[in-house]
Structure formats: C-alpha cells, structure tokens
Amino acid sequence: MSGQADVADRHRALVTSGLVATVVFLTAIAPLATDMYVPAFPRVAAELSATATQVQLTLTTFFVGMALGQLMGGPVSDQRGRRGPLLVAIVVMTVASVVCALTPTIGVMAGARLVQGFAGGWAMVIGRAVIVDLATGAQLVRVLNIIAAVGGIAPIVGPLLGAVILQLSHWRVSFWTVAALGVAMIVCVLVVVPETLPPERRHAGGLRAFVVAGREVLRNRRYVGYVLVSGSAMGAVFAYVATSAFVLQSMNGMSPIGYSVDFAANAVGMTVASFVAARLAGRVATRTVIAVGQVAALAAGIGMLIGALWFDTPLLVAIVCFFVLMTAQGLIGPNGGALAAAEVPEHPGTGSALLGFVQWVAAGVIAPIAGLGGEHTAVPMAVLMILTIAISMVGLFVFARPSR
C-alpha cells in the first residue's frame, strides 16, 4: 500500500508549472482559432465570393472536427501513449492552419477547418489526459480549474487580436498566427511534456477495445451526469458566442471594438470564476460550486428571455446577462469535467474523449440553432440558454446524485 502511495506522490510531483502551462497552451488553440477568425467573417465572405451562411459553416466544420478529434484522440492515446500522438496532432493542426491562410475558395477553407479542428481536438483531449494521469482528488480539480482559468485568457486575447489584425493587416494573418503558435506548441511539448502513460498502463487498441471501454465508461451513471453538466453548459456558452455579435451590434448599435471589449470582459469573468473555483477545491464541495454556477446561469437565461420578449433586448440587459452566463461557466465547466474524470480513472483517455466529444457536438449543434431567428431577435438564444442549463442541472441533481 505504501509503495502505491509513493508512486502516486511521484506522479503528482510531475505536475509542474511548465507542464500546466503547456496544457493551457494546448487548450487555448480552439478559442484562438475561433475568436480571432469570427470578426473577419464579412471580409472572408467578400474575398472568397461566399455567402454569410457558407462562412458560418466553416465554424461548424471546425466544431465537428473538434468533436471527432476528441472522440478518437483519447482512445488512441490510451493505446499508444500520450507524447507521440500529441506531437502528430499539433503538426497536422499547424499544416491545416497554413492551408486556411492560403485558401483560394470557401470549400477549401471548410475542409481545412475540419482538419484543423480534428487535430486541435485530438491535442486538447490528450493534454487533459496527461493531467489526469498525474493528478487525483482535490489536486486534479484544482489543476483543471487553473488550466481553465489561465486558458480563459485566450477568449480575451482572441477577438482583440483578431480586431487588431483586421485593422492593420489581412484576415489571413489570423491563420498564419495560429500556425506560428502551432510551431511553438511543438517545441513546448518536446521540451516539457513527458510520456505519462507507461506501456504497462496502456490498453489494447482497436475499435473493439474502444467500444468496450466506452461502454464501461457510459455505464457509470455519475460520469454521464457530470458529462451532461459540462456539455450542456458548453452549449449555453456557444449560444452566446454564435449570436452575441448580432444582439450587441445589429440590435443595439455597439461598435466592433466595443463588442470585442465586452467579449473580453465576459472572458475575464469566466477566468476569475475559474480561479475562485480552484481556490475552493478541497474547501467547499465541488458539487456546491457547480450548483451555484448553474443557478446564476439559469437566472441569466431567464433575464435574457424576459428582455427579448417584452423589452426588445435592451443593451444593459444583454451585457449583464452575458457576463453572468460566462462567469457562471467558470464554476460549471471545469468542475464538471474534473468530477467526470474522477469517476473513470481506469479509462482517463476514453473518459476525456467522450466528454470533449459531447462538449463540441453541443457547440456545433447549438451555434446554428441559436441564429435561426435571424439577426434581430434574441429569443432563440435565450430559450437555448435556459434549456441547456436546465439539462445541466438534471445531470447534476438526477444522474450524478450521490450514492446512498
């Protein structure tokens, strides 16, 4: 028993600040590749002779790629180890970013974005699995919250950097920037990330093994509940991401720079909340922290719906509700993911893969639905905010309820 404890202590000792920083870097690529690009949609449509819907589909293909990459990356890393598959994923993502920067047509862009998302999702899920390999209990919750908190800088920097790039240069520079970050990631992984899954802890590969592991993971009722907690909250966030520009700019006349500043402020709220959640790990029950976030997010959704139905979505109502929703996500998402991982320690890669798959499928499905009402109503978005948070609460209080 003491020998196992010594091994666990050595593993926890490997969770260095450099390793955490590298995993933050890996998880930041998705919001950077998305948020830097969104402000350029009108220019992309004009230059590539594409409709607004076609340009928006490049966002959807990216989300689909993220979902599939996370679904496959975790099981493959359970079989092959973490370091090798991680390096391959970053190289592919970097190449796909270069193709996006050079794209001649919207069709090539959509395909390259699919590959970029797939490789980025693959890298993200392995990064999370590396942490799960090395940390347990309160330390796992604390580290994942720190990663989410520091990673929240990406949604702050992304739209602002994208706006600056559009002001000073060309929208293609955004993708060259992502490609350069990919090269930096390769260097970081080579220098900092060790192989955290030794051969004796790896699972046999193949589709059959993945199906068996997935079935075993999904039989865990509490794991499924925490996946619903985190995945549904992600859906609420992307209802906001997909439509907030229309609500704030088209409906309320906010300038693009003003919108970028507000977007960044909301990301600051999420980052601060994640830091608070990290400090509370081991002191306050994690389920309690999640519940507080869910109640706040639900209130934001109800406030937005009331404002949309009866008051034509005033600017102040939209700003406050968006800020509360995003801040609450800092309490819900990372904690839900940490508790899900803790439920399936024997299959960390598969558990992380299924969690990531659900999160990005939710993002890909919710984003276009939220915009069905067009650019002059916030009702569909508000309804989706309420519905997704309600599902998140069902996950916490029904599926993931404590065993008697």
Protein backbone atom coordinates (compact mmCIF):
# COMPACT_ATOMS: atom_id res chain seq x y z
CA MET A 1 0.00 0.00 0.00
CA SER A 2 2.79 2.42 0.92
CA GLY A 3 4.55 1.60 -2.36
CA GLN A 4 1.42 2.62 -4.29
CA ALA A 5 1.26 5.84 -2.30
CA ASP A 6 4.90 6.59 -3.15
CA VAL A 7 4.18 6.06 -6.84
CA ALA A 8 1.16 8.37 -6.62
CA ASP A 9 3.27 11.01 -4.87
CA ARG A 10 5.91 10.83 -7.59
CA HIS A 11 3.23 11.21 -10.27
CA ARG A 12 1.74 14.24 -8.55
CA ALA A 13 5.19 15.76 -8.24
CA LEU A 14 5.43 15.74 -12.03
CA VAL A 15 2.55 18.22 -12.36
CA THR A 16 4.95 21.13 -12.79
CA SER A 17 4.12 24.71 -13.67
CA GLY A 18 5.74 24.17 -17.08
CA LEU A 19 3.53 21.15 -17.78
CA VAL A 20 0.40 23.02 -16.70
CA ALA A 21 1.40 25.99 -18.89
CA THR A 22 1.86 23.68 -21.88
CA VAL A 23 -1.55 22.08 -21.38
CA VAL A 24 -3.06 25.58 -21.14
CA PHE A 25 -1.34 26.35 -24.44
CA LEU A 26 -2.91 23.23 -25.99
CA THR A 27 -6.41 24.04 -24.75
CA ALA A 28 -6.15 27.66 -25.91
CA ILE A 29 -5.84 26.79 -29.59
CA ALA A 30 -9.60 26.23 -30.10
CA PRO A 31 -10.78 29.61 -28.78
CA LEU A 32 -7.90 31.35 -30.53
CA ALA A 33 -8.61 29.67 -33.87
CA THR A 34 -12.29 30.60 -33.47
CA ASP A 35 -12.33 34.02 -31.82
CA MET A 36 -9.55 35.53 -33.94
CA TYR A 37 -11.44 34.49 -37.07
CA VAL A 38 -15.04 35.45 -36.22
CA PRO A 39 -14.53 39.24 -36.56
CA ALA A 40 -13.29 38.64 -40.12
CA PHE A 41 -16.44 36.86 -41.39
CA PRO A 42 -17.65 39.77 -43.60
CA ARG A 43 -14.23 40.18 -45.25
CA VAL A 44 -13.84 36.44 -45.80
CA ALA A 45 -17.25 36.32 -47.47
CA ALA A 46 -16.38 39.24 -49.74
CA GLU A 47 -12.93 37.97 -50.78
CA LEU A 48 -13.93 34.33 -51.34
CA SER A 49 -17.28 35.21 -53.01
CA ALA A 50 -19.17 33.28 -50.35
CA THR A 51 -22.46 33.81 -48.57
CA ALA A 52 -22.65 34.51 -44.85
CA THR A 53 -24.08 31.02 -44.32
CA GLN A 54 -21.14 29.42 -46.13
CA VAL A 55 -18.68 31.33 -43.98
CA GLN A 56 -20.56 30.33 -40.82
CA LEU A 57 -20.35 26.70 -41.94
CA THR A 58 -16.56 26.91 -41.64
CA LEU A 59 -17.18 27.44 -37.93
CA THR A 60 -19.47 24.41 -37.84
CA THR A 61 -16.93 22.19 -39.63
CA PHE A 62 -14.33 23.28 -37.09
CA PHE A 63 -16.62 22.24 -34.22
CA VAL A 64 -17.38 18.91 -35.90
CA GLY A 65 -13.66 18.31 -36.29
CA MET A 66 -13.07 19.18 -32.63
CA ALA A 67 -15.73 16.69 -31.54
CA LEU A 68 -14.39 13.85 -33.70
CA GLY A 69 -10.77 14.61 -32.76
CA GLN A 70 -11.54 14.39 -29.06
CA LEU A 71 -13.55 11.21 -29.54
CA MET A 72 -10.65 9.47 -31.29
CA GLY A 73 -7.63 11.10 -29.67
CA GLY A 74 -8.31 9.83 -26.16
CA PRO A 75 -8.61 6.10 -27.03
CA VAL A 76 -5.61 6.22 -29.37
CA SER A 77 -3.51 7.81 -26.63
CA ASP A 78 -4.72 5.13 -24.20
CA GLN A 79 -3.20 2.60 -26.60
CA ARG A 80 -0.13 4.39 -27.96
CA GLY A 81 0.82 6.69 -25.10
CA ARG A 82 0.45 10.44 -24.83
CA ARG A 83 3.55 12.12 -26.25
CA GLY A 84 3.76 10.68 -29.79
CA PRO A 85 0.09 11.13 -30.74
CA LEU A 86 0.17 14.62 -29.23
CA LEU A 87 3.08 15.71 -31.41
CA VAL A 88 1.44 14.27 -34.55
CA ALA A 89 -1.78 16.16 -33.79
CA ILE A 90 -0.01 19.51 -33.37
CA VAL A 91 1.90 19.06 -36.64
CA VAL A 92 -1.33 18.30 -38.54
CA MET A 93 -3.08 21.28 -36.93
CA THR A 94 -0.22 23.56 -37.95
CA VAL A 95 -0.31 22.36 -41.56
CA ALA A 96 -4.10 22.80 -41.69
CA SER A 97 -3.71 26.37 -40.38
CA VAL A 98 -1.31 27.12 -43.24
CA VAL A 99 -3.86 25.75 -45.73
CA CYS A 100 -6.51 28.04 -44.20
CA ALA A 101 -4.16 31.00 -44.61
CA LEU A 102 -3.60 30.17 -48.30
CA THR A 103 -7.14 29.02 -49.17
CA PRO A 104 -8.42 30.06 -52.61
CA THR A 105 -12.07 29.07 -52.03
CA ILE A 106 -14.58 28.73 -49.21
CA GLY A 107 -14.76 24.96 -49.89
CA VAL A 108 -11.05 24.51 -49.25
CA MET A 109 -11.42 26.66 -46.16
CA ALA A 110 -14.22 24.46 -44.81
CA GLY A 111 -12.18 21.29 -45.38
CA ALA A 112 -9.05 22.75 -43.80
CA ARG A 113 -11.06 23.96 -40.82
CA LEU A 114 -12.41 20.44 -40.36
CA VAL A 115 -8.87 19.04 -40.25
CA GLN A 116 -7.68 21.90 -38.05
CA GLY A 117 -10.48 21.23 -35.57
CA PHE A 118 -9.88 17.47 -35.65
CA ALA A 119 -6.19 17.83 -34.86
CA GLY A 120 -6.84 20.56 -32.28
CA GLY A 121 -9.42 18.39 -30.51
CA TRP A 122 -7.02 15.45 -30.59
CA ALA A 123 -4.34 17.59 -28.91
CA MET A 124 -6.73 19.03 -26.32
CA VAL A 125 -8.03 15.66 -25.15
CA ILE A 126 -4.51 14.26 -24.79
CA GLY A 127 -3.46 17.35 -22.84
CA ARG A 128 -6.29 16.75 -20.36
CA ALA A 129 -5.42 13.04 -20.18
CA VAL A 130 -1.82 13.92 -19.26
CA ILE A 131 -3.11 15.84 -16.23
CA VAL A 132 -5.49 13.02 -15.28
CA ASP A 133 -2.53 10.60 -15.47
CA LEU A 134 -0.63 12.61 -12.88
CA ALA A 135 -3.19 14.17 -10.51
CA THR A 136 -6.04 12.87 -8.35
CA GLY A 137 -8.64 14.17 -5.92
CA ALA A 138 -8.59 17.82 -4.91
CA GLN A 139 -5.33 18.34 -6.81
CA LEU A 140 -6.99 17.23 -10.05
CA VAL A 141 -9.91 19.61 -9.51
CA ARG A 142 -7.50 22.43 -8.62
CA VAL A 143 -5.21 21.92 -11.62
CA LEU A 144 -8.09 21.62 -14.13
CA ASN A 145 -9.62 24.81 -12.74
CA ILE A 146 -6.28 26.60 -13.02
CA ILE A 147 -5.95 25.39 -16.62
CA ALA A 148 -9.45 26.67 -17.37
CA ALA A 149 -8.76 29.97 -15.62
CA VAL A 150 -5.48 30.71 -17.37
CA GLY A 151 -6.90 29.30 -20.60
CA GLY A 152 -9.62 31.91 -20.28
CA ILE A 153 -7.05 34.42 -21.46
CA ALA A 154 -7.45 33.03 -24.99
CA PRO A 155 -11.08 34.19 -25.37
CA ILE A 156 -9.94 37.57 -24.05
CA VAL A 157 -6.99 37.91 -26.41
CA GLY A 158 -8.60 36.20 -29.41
CA PRO A 159 -11.21 38.76 -30.51
CA LEU A 160 -8.99 41.71 -29.58
CA LEU A 161 -6.05 40.29 -31.53
CA GLY A 162 -8.37 39.49 -34.43
CA ALA A 163 -9.67 43.06 -34.44
CA VAL A 164 -6.12 44.44 -34.41
CA ILE A 165 -5.10 42.13 -37.25
CA LEU A 166 -8.07 43.27 -39.33
CA GLN A 167 -7.24 46.88 -38.57
CA LEU A 168 -3.56 46.61 -39.53
CA SER A 169 -3.39 43.71 -41.96
CA HIS A 170 -5.34 40.92 -43.68
CA TRP A 171 -7.69 38.29 -42.26
CA ARG A 172 -5.33 35.55 -43.49
CA VAL A 173 -2.76 36.74 -40.95
CA SER A 174 -5.01 35.28 -38.24
CA PHE A 175 -4.34 31.78 -39.57
CA TRP A 176 -0.63 32.45 -40.01
CA THR A 177 -0.66 33.43 -36.33
CA VAL A 178 -2.31 30.13 -35.36
CA ALA A 179 0.26 28.24 -37.47
CA ALA A 180 3.10 30.04 -35.67
CA LEU A 181 1.55 29.12 -32.33
CA GLY A 182 1.44 25.52 -33.54
CA VAL A 183 5.19 25.55 -34.11
CA ALA A 184 5.69 26.98 -30.61
CA MET A 185 3.48 24.19 -29.21
CA ILE A 186 5.64 21.54 -30.85
CA VAL A 187 8.70 22.97 -29.14
CA CYS A 188 6.94 23.13 -25.77
CA VAL A 189 5.78 19.52 -25.95
CA LEU A 190 9.25 18.32 -26.95
CA VAL A 191 10.84 20.16 -24.04
CA VAL A 192 8.27 19.92 -21.24
CA VAL A 193 5.77 17.07 -21.69
CA PRO A 194 6.99 13.62 -20.61
CA GLU A 195 5.38 10.32 -21.51
CA THR A 196 2.84 9.98 -18.68
CA LEU A 197 1.33 6.64 -19.69
CA PRO A 198 3.92 3.83 -19.41
CA PRO A 199 3.41 0.69 -21.53
CA GLU A 200 2.13 -1.38 -18.61
CA ARG A 201 -0.81 1.03 -18.11
CA ARG A 202 -1.86 1.17 -21.76
CA HIS A 203 -4.99 -0.51 -23.07
CA ALA A 204 -5.14 -2.78 -26.09
CA GLY A 205 -6.08 -0.88 -29.22
CA GLY A 206 -8.66 -1.33 -31.92
CA LEU A 207 -12.29 -0.39 -32.38
CA ARG A 208 -13.46 -3.30 -30.24
CA ALA A 209 -11.36 -2.13 -27.28
CA PHE A 210 -12.66 1.41 -27.68
CA VAL A 211 -16.27 0.22 -27.78
CA VAL A 212 -15.71 -1.93 -24.69
CA ALA A 213 -14.04 0.94 -22.81
CA GLY A 214 -16.72 3.39 -23.94
CA ARG A 215 -19.49 1.05 -22.83
CA GLU A 216 -17.85 0.64 -19.45
CA VAL A 217 -17.43 4.39 -19.04
CA LEU A 218 -21.01 5.14 -20.09
CA ARG A 219 -22.36 2.60 -17.62
CA ASN A 220 -21.14 4.89 -14.86
CA ARG A 221 -24.28 6.91 -14.08
CA ARG A 222 -22.42 9.65 -12.23
CA TYR A 223 -19.92 10.05 -15.08
CA VAL A 224 -22.79 10.51 -17.53
CA GLY A 225 -24.32 13.07 -15.18
CA TYR A 226 -21.15 15.14 -14.99
CA VAL A 227 -20.75 14.96 -18.78
CA LEU A 228 -24.26 16.42 -19.06
CA VAL A 229 -23.30 19.10 -16.53
CA SER A 230 -20.27 20.24 -18.52
CA GLY A 231 -21.52 19.54 -22.06
CA SER A 232 -24.83 21.34 -21.64
CA ALA A 233 -23.14 24.36 -20.10
CA MET A 234 -20.84 24.45 -23.15
CA GLY A 235 -23.96 24.55 -25.33
CA ALA A 236 -25.17 27.65 -23.46
CA VAL A 237 -21.82 29.34 -23.99
CA PHE A 238 -21.88 28.77 -27.73
CA ALA A 239 -25.43 30.03 -27.99
CA TYR A 240 -23.86 33.23 -26.70
CA VAL A 241 -20.79 33.04 -28.96
CA ALA A 242 -22.88 32.49 -32.10
CA THR A 243 -25.37 35.31 -31.57
CA SER A 244 -23.89 37.90 -29.22
CA ALA A 245 -22.44 39.93 -32.11
CA PHE A 246 -25.90 40.30 -33.64
CA VAL A 247 -27.52 41.15 -30.29
CA LEU A 248 -24.95 43.75 -29.32
CA GLN A 249 -24.02 45.18 -32.75
CA SER A 250 -27.02 44.72 -35.07
CA MET A 251 -29.73 45.21 -32.45
CA ASN A 252 -28.05 47.70 -30.13
CA GLY A 253 -25.54 49.52 -32.36
CA MET A 254 -22.38 48.59 -30.47
CA SER A 255 -19.16 49.12 -32.46
CA PRO A 256 -16.90 46.16 -33.36
CA ILE A 257 -14.24 47.42 -30.94
CA GLY A 258 -16.85 47.83 -28.22
CA TYR A 259 -18.07 44.31 -28.89
CA SER A 260 -14.53 42.92 -28.66
CA VAL A 261 -14.01 44.71 -25.33
CA ASP A 262 -17.30 43.33 -23.96
CA PHE A 263 -16.42 39.84 -25.21
CA ALA A 264 -13.08 40.10 -23.45
CA ALA A 265 -14.73 41.33 -20.22
CA ASN A 266 -17.01 38.29 -20.20
CA ALA A 267 -13.99 36.04 -20.63
CA VAL A 268 -12.35 37.83 -17.69
CA GLY A 269 -15.40 36.97 -15.59
CA MET A 270 -15.10 33.30 -16.55
CA THR A 271 -11.37 33.33 -15.80
CA VAL A 272 -11.82 34.89 -12.36
CA ALA A 273 -14.58 32.40 -11.52
CA SER A 274 -12.32 29.50 -12.52
CA PHE A 275 -9.56 30.83 -10.26
CA VAL A 276 -12.06 31.10 -7.40
CA ALA A 277 -13.21 27.53 -8.05
CA ALA A 278 -9.59 26.38 -7.95
CA ARG A 279 -9.07 28.07 -4.57
CA LEU A 280 -12.25 26.45 -3.23
CA ALA A 281 -11.19 22.92 -4.23
CA GLY A 282 -10.87 20.83 -1.09
CA ARG A 283 -12.60 23.50 1.00
CA VAL A 284 -16.09 23.66 -0.48
CA ALA A 285 -17.86 20.69 -2.05
CA THR A 286 -17.31 20.85 -5.82
CA ARG A 287 -20.96 19.95 -6.45
CA THR A 288 -21.99 23.01 -4.43
CA VAL A 289 -19.78 25.27 -6.56
CA ILE A 290 -21.32 23.81 -9.73
CA ALA A 291 -24.85 24.32 -8.40
CA VAL A 292 -24.16 27.99 -7.63
CA GLY A 293 -22.94 28.46 -11.20
CA GLN A 294 -26.00 26.71 -12.63
CA VAL A 295 -28.44 28.87 -10.67
CA ALA A 296 -26.65 32.03 -11.84
CA ALA A 297 -26.61 30.88 -15.48
CA LEU A 298 -30.29 29.95 -15.36
CA ALA A 299 -31.13 33.39 -13.97
CA ALA A 300 -29.15 34.96 -16.84
CA GLY A 301 -31.14 32.95 -19.38
CA ILE A 302 -34.46 33.90 -17.82
CA GLY A 303 -33.43 37.55 -17.69
CA MET A 304 -32.43 37.46 -21.35
CA LEU A 305 -35.73 35.86 -22.37
CA ILE A 306 -37.77 38.45 -20.47
CA GLY A 307 -35.73 41.24 -22.06
CA ALA A 308 -36.13 39.73 -25.55
CA LEU A 309 -39.89 39.10 -25.33
CA TRP A 310 -41.08 42.31 -23.72
CA PHE A 311 -38.36 44.96 -23.92
CA ASP A 312 -36.66 44.39 -27.30
CA THR A 313 -33.42 43.24 -25.62
CA PRO A 314 -32.01 46.45 -24.09
CA LEU A 315 -28.24 46.80 -24.24
CA LEU A 316 -27.80 46.82 -20.45
CA VAL A 317 -29.85 43.62 -20.06
CA ALA A 318 -27.82 41.86 -22.74
CA ILE A 319 -24.47 42.94 -21.29
CA VAL A 320 -25.39 41.88 -17.74
CA CYS A 321 -26.90 38.54 -18.76
CA PHE A 322 -23.95 37.65 -20.98
CA PHE A 323 -21.50 38.50 -18.22
CA VAL A 324 -23.35 36.40 -15.63
CA LEU A 325 -23.63 33.45 -18.05
CA MET A 326 -19.93 33.43 -18.89
CA THR A 327 -18.83 33.95 -15.28
CA ALA A 328 -21.04 31.04 -14.20
CA GLN A 329 -19.40 28.84 -16.84
CA GLY A 330 -16.13 29.24 -14.93
CA LEU A 331 -17.81 27.50 -11.99
CA ILE A 332 -19.59 24.81 -14.00
CA GLY A 333 -17.45 23.58 -16.89
CA PRO A 334 -14.05 22.82 -15.33
CA ASN A 335 -15.58 21.35 -12.17
CA GLY A 336 -17.96 19.17 -14.13
CA GLY A 337 -15.08 17.90 -16.26
CA ALA A 338 -12.92 17.21 -13.21
CA LEU A 339 -15.64 15.22 -11.45
CA ALA A 340 -16.34 13.28 -14.65
CA ALA A 341 -12.65 12.35 -14.94
CA ALA A 342 -12.57 11.29 -11.30
CA GLU A 343 -15.40 8.83 -11.92
CA VAL A 344 -13.47 6.81 -14.56
CA PRO A 345 -9.78 6.75 -13.51
CA GLU A 346 -9.26 3.39 -15.22
CA HIS A 347 -10.05 4.91 -18.65
CA PRO A 348 -8.84 8.53 -18.50
CA GLY A 349 -8.33 8.90 -22.24
CA THR A 350 -11.70 7.43 -23.19
CA GLY A 351 -13.46 9.40 -20.46
CA SER A 352 -11.85 12.64 -21.56
CA ALA A 353 -12.60 11.84 -25.21
CA LEU A 354 -16.31 11.28 -24.62
CA LEU A 355 -16.53 14.44 -22.52
CA GLY A 356 -14.84 16.51 -25.23
CA PHE A 357 -17.00 14.93 -27.92
CA VAL A 358 -20.21 15.86 -26.11
CA GLN A 359 -18.98 19.40 -25.44
CA TRP A 360 -18.08 20.16 -29.04
CA VAL A 361 -21.11 18.40 -30.51
CA ALA A 362 -23.17 20.65 -28.24
CA ALA A 363 -21.25 23.66 -29.55
CA GLY A 364 -21.68 22.61 -33.19
CA VAL A 365 -25.41 21.90 -32.83
CA ILE A 366 -26.37 24.85 -30.66
CA ALA A 367 -24.47 27.55 -32.58
CA PRO A 368 -26.52 27.41 -35.81
CA ILE A 369 -29.82 26.82 -33.96
CA ALA A 370 -29.26 29.93 -31.86
CA GLY A 371 -29.18 32.01 -35.04
CA LEU A 372 -32.40 30.67 -36.56
CA GLY A 373 -34.31 33.79 -35.57
CA GLY A 374 -32.04 35.97 -37.66
CA GLU A 375 -30.09 38.99 -36.51
CA HIS A 376 -32.98 40.94 -35.00
CA THR A 377 -34.22 38.72 -32.17
CA ALA A 378 -32.57 37.14 -29.13
CA VAL A 379 -35.47 34.82 -28.27
CA PRO A 380 -34.00 31.58 -29.70
CA MET A 381 -30.69 32.23 -27.96
CA ALA A 382 -32.40 32.93 -24.61
CA VAL A 383 -34.53 29.79 -24.89
CA LEU A 384 -31.42 27.73 -25.62
CA MET A 385 -29.61 29.26 -22.64
CA ILE A 386 -32.45 28.21 -20.34
CA LEU A 387 -32.84 24.74 -21.89
CA THR A 388 -29.14 23.84 -21.83
CA ILE A 389 -28.67 24.97 -18.23
CA ALA A 390 -31.79 23.05 -17.22
CA ILE A 391 -30.27 19.91 -18.76
CA SER A 392 -27.03 20.66 -16.93
CA MET A 393 -28.96 20.77 -13.64
CA VAL A 394 -30.66 17.46 -14.43
CA GLY A 395 -27.19 15.99 -14.94
CA LEU A 396 -26.04 17.21 -11.52
CA PHE A 397 -29.11 16.51 -9.40
CA VAL A 398 -30.51 13.41 -11.11
CA PHE A 399 -27.79 11.44 -12.90
CA ALA A 400 -24.81 12.47 -10.75
CA ARG A 401 -26.63 12.45 -7.42
CA PRO A 402 -24.54 10.95 -4.60
CA SER A 403 -24.99 7.25 -3.93
CA ARG A 404 -26.80 6.45 -0.71
